[in-house]
Amino acid sequence: MAHSKLRKITMAVLAPAMALGATVGLASAPAQAAVWNSCDQWGNTSLNGYTLYNNIWGSGAGSQCVWANSGTNWGVWANHPNTGGIKSYPNSKKVINKTIASLGSLTSSYNVTVPSSGAYNTSYDIWDTDYDYEIMLWVNYNGAVGPLGTSQGNVTLGGHTWTVYKGSNGANEVFSFLRTSDSSSGNVDIKPILSWIANTKGWMSSGETIGDVQFGYEITSSSGGLDFVTNNLTVSSS
């Protein structure tokens, strides 16, 4: 799972935009989304300090189009078949480039509108600059989806209680935190989570540099076309 996401991050930089031949897109985006939209597989743009990716990376994917009013107000229409395997991770990314030890704070707020059908998770995907470690924070999820690795029990950090999973895909370590209660809006204090991983558990060094904080929708299926909307997002660090 995470290895494919690492591959798609690289491909998003190296590969040319690849149209999926979708005839939907502008018609499926809300009327107020006039700043940017794309139905390209690796469509991306930078808006007010955030980078947006359409990011269709999984096999067997269908059509998907992303729209944005800003880097913090955006959404995606996706029509992926009802089959297993992650098809995409449309997201908005903020670059941090600070070590865990040197971070004074790393916080985020989110407000989303997600469908009641389909299979997906709404999650933060946090990477170190070398892409050796991946930290996922699932704030809500629906359908037949699950994290990589084995359960490490529950922990209360950053204002929420999570079930923690630890695993590896052979290319990088993956630490997944699944909220024990779904939420469509809230605040997350990310720094204590990173410190717990590094200092309490020793799973990574506090000298690791956190590069990307991504927030988006890891979509497995959305048959018939479903809308995912990020009403508001903030990522702040010091």
Protein backbone atom coordinates (compact mmCIF):
# COMPACT_ATOMS: atom_id res chain seq x y z
CA MET A 1 0.00 0.00 0.00
CA ALA A 2 2.48 2.61 1.16
CA HIS A 3 5.16 1.49 -1.31
CA SER A 4 2.84 2.26 -4.19
CA LYS A 5 2.16 5.67 -2.69
CA LEU A 6 5.89 6.33 -2.53
CA ARG A 7 6.15 5.35 -6.18
CA LYS A 8 3.34 7.66 -7.20
CA ILE A 9 4.91 10.59 -5.36
CA THR A 10 8.01 10.15 -7.51
CA MET A 11 5.95 9.65 -10.65
CA ALA A 12 3.93 12.77 -9.93
CA VAL A 13 7.16 14.72 -10.25
CA LEU A 14 8.72 12.85 -13.17
CA ALA A 15 5.81 11.76 -15.32
CA PRO A 16 4.05 14.10 -17.72
CA ALA A 17 0.40 14.84 -17.09
CA MET A 18 -1.54 11.90 -18.46
CA ALA A 19 -5.16 12.48 -19.38
CA LEU A 20 -7.49 9.64 -18.44
CA GLY A 21 -9.93 10.40 -21.20
CA ALA A 22 -12.64 11.29 -18.72
CA THR A 23 -15.54 13.24 -20.15
CA VAL A 24 -16.60 14.36 -16.68
CA GLY A 25 -14.62 16.87 -14.67
CA LEU A 26 -15.63 20.46 -15.12
CA ALA A 27 -19.27 19.45 -15.07
CA SER A 28 -18.77 17.51 -11.84
CA ALA A 29 -16.89 20.29 -10.07
CA PRO A 30 -18.91 22.83 -8.11
CA ALA A 31 -19.59 26.14 -9.83
CA GLN A 32 -17.50 28.11 -7.34
CA ALA A 33 -14.35 26.13 -8.12
CA ALA A 34 -12.95 28.58 -10.65
CA VAL A 35 -9.28 28.67 -9.65
CA TRP A 36 -8.04 25.25 -10.81
CA ASN A 37 -9.28 21.83 -11.83
CA SER A 38 -7.79 18.77 -13.49
CA CYS A 39 -8.78 15.30 -14.61
CA ASP A 40 -5.17 14.36 -15.46
CA GLN A 41 -3.77 11.33 -13.69
CA TRP A 42 -0.92 13.29 -12.11
CA GLY A 43 -2.52 16.76 -12.33
CA ASN A 44 -1.03 19.12 -9.76
CA THR A 45 -0.69 22.79 -8.92
CA SER A 46 0.51 25.06 -6.11
CA LEU A 47 -1.91 27.42 -4.38
CA ASN A 48 -1.16 29.69 -1.39
CA GLY A 49 1.60 27.52 0.06
CA TYR A 50 -0.01 24.12 -0.60
CA THR A 51 0.46 21.68 -3.49
CA LEU A 52 -2.59 19.86 -4.83
CA TYR A 53 -2.37 16.46 -6.57
CA ASN A 54 -5.09 14.54 -8.40
CA ASN A 55 -2.81 11.52 -7.92
CA ILE A 56 -4.46 8.44 -9.45
CA TRP A 57 -1.80 5.81 -8.77
CA GLY A 58 -3.48 2.43 -8.19
CA SER A 59 -4.25 -0.25 -10.75
CA GLY A 60 -7.79 -0.68 -12.06
CA ALA A 61 -8.70 2.96 -11.44
CA GLY A 62 -11.60 4.73 -13.10
CA SER A 63 -12.13 8.45 -13.66
CA GLN A 64 -11.27 11.18 -11.19
CA CYS A 65 -11.22 14.99 -11.31
CA VAL A 66 -10.00 17.43 -8.69
CA TRP A 67 -11.01 21.08 -8.27
CA ALA A 68 -9.74 23.82 -5.98
CA ASN A 69 -10.64 27.29 -4.83
CA SER A 70 -7.40 27.31 -2.83
CA GLY A 71 -4.92 24.89 -1.32
CA THR A 72 -7.19 24.61 1.70
CA ASN A 73 -10.61 24.47 0.01
CA TRP A 74 -10.83 21.82 -2.65
CA GLY A 75 -12.52 18.58 -3.58
CA VAL A 76 -12.56 15.57 -5.85
CA TRP A 77 -15.12 13.64 -7.87
CA ALA A 78 -14.12 9.99 -8.26
CA ASN A 79 -15.70 7.05 -10.06
CA HIS A 80 -13.57 4.02 -9.21
CA PRO A 81 -14.91 0.46 -9.58
CA ASN A 82 -16.03 -1.65 -6.64
CA THR A 83 -12.84 -3.71 -6.53
CA GLY A 84 -10.10 -4.11 -3.96
CA GLY A 85 -6.90 -2.09 -3.81
CA ILE A 86 -6.32 1.64 -3.39
CA LYS A 87 -6.92 3.55 -6.62
CA SER A 88 -5.89 7.08 -5.67
CA TYR A 89 -4.89 9.55 -3.00
CA PRO A 90 -5.93 13.05 -4.07
CA ASN A 91 -4.39 15.40 -1.55
CA SER A 92 -3.16 18.82 -0.54
CA LYS A 93 0.43 18.95 0.68
CA LYS A 94 2.30 21.38 2.94
CA VAL A 95 6.11 21.12 3.09
CA ILE A 96 7.60 21.36 6.60
CA ASN A 97 11.32 20.42 6.34
CA LYS A 98 12.10 20.41 10.06
CA THR A 99 13.41 17.65 12.29
CA ILE A 100 11.07 16.21 14.88
CA ALA A 101 13.37 17.48 17.61
CA SER A 102 13.46 21.03 16.24
CA LEU A 103 9.71 21.33 15.66
CA GLY A 104 8.20 23.72 18.17
CA SER A 105 4.73 22.77 17.01
CA LEU A 106 2.96 21.04 14.15
CA THR A 107 -0.81 21.35 14.14
CA SER A 108 -3.66 21.00 11.69
CA SER A 109 -7.39 21.54 11.42
CA TYR A 110 -9.75 19.95 8.91
CA ASN A 111 -13.38 20.09 7.87
CA VAL A 112 -14.59 17.65 5.22
CA THR A 113 -17.77 16.37 3.62
CA VAL A 114 -17.46 12.72 2.64
CA PRO A 115 -19.90 10.20 1.12
CA SER A 116 -21.77 7.56 3.10
CA SER A 117 -21.01 4.90 0.47
CA GLY A 118 -17.82 3.69 -1.17
CA ALA A 119 -14.58 2.45 0.38
CA TYR A 120 -12.05 5.07 1.45
CA ASN A 121 -10.25 6.77 4.31
CA THR A 122 -9.75 10.46 4.99
CA SER A 123 -6.20 10.76 6.21
CA TYR A 124 -3.03 12.68 6.80
CA ASP A 125 0.00 11.11 5.13
CA ILE A 126 3.22 12.38 6.70
CA TRP A 127 6.66 11.57 5.26
CA ASP A 128 10.26 12.14 6.23
CA THR A 129 12.42 13.72 3.52
CA ASP A 130 14.07 10.39 2.62
CA TYR A 131 10.71 8.57 2.42
CA ASP A 132 11.92 5.94 4.90
CA TYR A 133 8.98 6.51 7.25
CA GLU A 134 5.30 7.08 6.61
CA ILE A 135 2.88 8.19 9.32
CA MET A 136 -0.81 7.99 8.47
CA LEU A 137 -3.54 9.56 10.60
CA TRP A 138 -6.99 8.29 9.62
CA VAL A 139 -9.68 10.68 10.84
CA ASN A 140 -12.54 8.76 9.20
CA TYR A 141 -13.01 5.70 7.01
CA ASN A 142 -15.76 3.74 5.32
CA GLY A 143 -16.18 0.37 3.62
CA ALA A 144 -13.65 -2.43 3.12
CA VAL A 145 -10.41 -0.63 3.98
CA GLY A 146 -7.72 -1.33 6.53
CA PRO A 147 -4.19 -0.28 7.51
CA LEU A 148 -0.92 -2.04 6.85
CA GLY A 149 0.73 -3.89 9.75
CA THR A 150 -0.36 -5.23 13.12
CA SER A 151 -2.18 -3.51 15.94
CA GLN A 152 -0.08 -1.99 18.72
CA GLY A 153 -3.08 -1.09 20.87
CA ASN A 154 -4.66 2.27 21.60
CA VAL A 155 -3.04 5.54 22.57
CA THR A 156 -4.40 9.03 23.28
CA LEU A 157 -2.28 11.69 21.59
CA GLY A 158 -2.80 15.03 19.89
CA GLY A 159 -6.30 15.43 21.26
CA HIS A 160 -7.67 12.07 20.07
CA THR A 161 -7.59 8.35 20.82
CA TRP A 162 -6.12 6.19 18.08
CA THR A 163 -5.61 2.51 17.36
CA VAL A 164 -1.99 2.22 16.23
CA TYR A 165 -0.70 -0.15 13.54
CA LYS A 166 2.96 -0.78 12.72
CA GLY A 167 4.18 -2.41 9.55
CA SER A 168 6.57 -2.31 6.61
CA ASN A 169 6.05 -2.66 2.89
CA GLY A 170 9.69 -3.51 2.23
CA ALA A 171 10.55 0.02 1.12
CA ASN A 172 9.58 2.05 4.19
CA GLU A 173 8.15 1.72 7.68
CA VAL A 174 4.47 2.57 8.06
CA PHE A 175 2.83 3.77 11.27
CA SER A 176 -0.94 4.13 10.99
CA PHE A 177 -3.12 5.85 13.58
CA LEU A 178 -6.86 5.20 13.20
CA ARG A 179 -9.22 7.39 15.20
CA THR A 180 -11.42 5.25 17.41
CA SER A 181 -14.35 7.54 16.52
CA ASP A 182 -14.87 8.93 13.03
CA SER A 183 -14.80 12.70 12.60
CA SER A 184 -15.54 15.02 9.69
CA SER A 185 -13.95 18.03 11.39
CA GLY A 186 -11.48 18.74 14.15
CA ASN A 187 -7.99 19.71 15.20
CA VAL A 188 -4.94 17.46 15.39
CA ASP A 189 -1.77 18.24 17.32
CA ILE A 190 0.70 16.26 15.19
CA LYS A 191 3.94 17.02 17.07
CA PRO A 192 3.10 14.83 20.13
CA ILE A 193 2.34 11.93 17.78
CA LEU A 194 5.73 12.25 16.09
CA SER A 195 7.47 12.59 19.47
CA TRP A 196 5.70 9.48 20.77
CA ILE A 197 6.86 7.47 17.74
CA ALA A 198 10.44 8.70 18.09
CA ASN A 199 11.03 9.18 21.80
CA THR A 200 8.57 6.85 23.52
CA LYS A 201 8.58 3.92 21.07
CA GLY A 202 11.97 4.43 19.39
CA TRP A 203 10.56 3.51 15.99
CA MET A 204 12.38 6.38 14.29
CA SER A 205 14.93 9.00 15.27
CA SER A 206 13.93 12.42 16.54
CA GLY A 207 16.60 13.68 14.13
CA GLU A 208 14.47 12.62 11.15
CA THR A 209 13.36 15.57 9.04
CA ILE A 210 9.64 15.76 8.39
CA GLY A 211 9.16 16.75 4.77
CA ASP A 212 5.56 16.50 3.57
CA VAL A 213 2.31 16.73 5.48
CA GLN A 214 -0.38 15.61 3.05
CA PHE A 215 -4.12 15.51 3.67
CA GLY A 216 -6.59 13.79 1.39
CA TYR A 217 -8.69 10.79 0.51
CA GLU A 218 -7.30 7.31 -0.03
CA ILE A 219 -9.99 5.90 -2.31
CA THR A 220 -10.50 2.19 -2.95
CA SER A 221 -13.95 2.31 -4.58
CA SER A 222 -16.48 5.01 -5.46
CA SER A 223 -18.64 3.32 -8.06
CA GLY A 224 -21.08 5.60 -9.87
CA GLY A 225 -19.16 8.73 -8.91
CA LEU A 226 -18.79 10.19 -5.42
CA ASP A 227 -17.82 13.64 -4.16
CA PHE A 228 -15.22 14.33 -1.47
CA VAL A 229 -14.93 17.94 -0.29
CA THR A 230 -12.29 19.59 1.87
CA ASN A 231 -14.24 22.57 3.18
CA ASN A 232 -11.22 23.86 5.07
CA LEU A 233 -7.72 22.71 5.94
CA THR A 234 -4.85 24.32 7.80
CA VAL A 235 -1.37 22.96 8.49
CA SER A 236 0.85 25.13 10.69
CA SER A 237 4.34 24.61 12.11
CA SER A 238 6.93 26.49 14.10
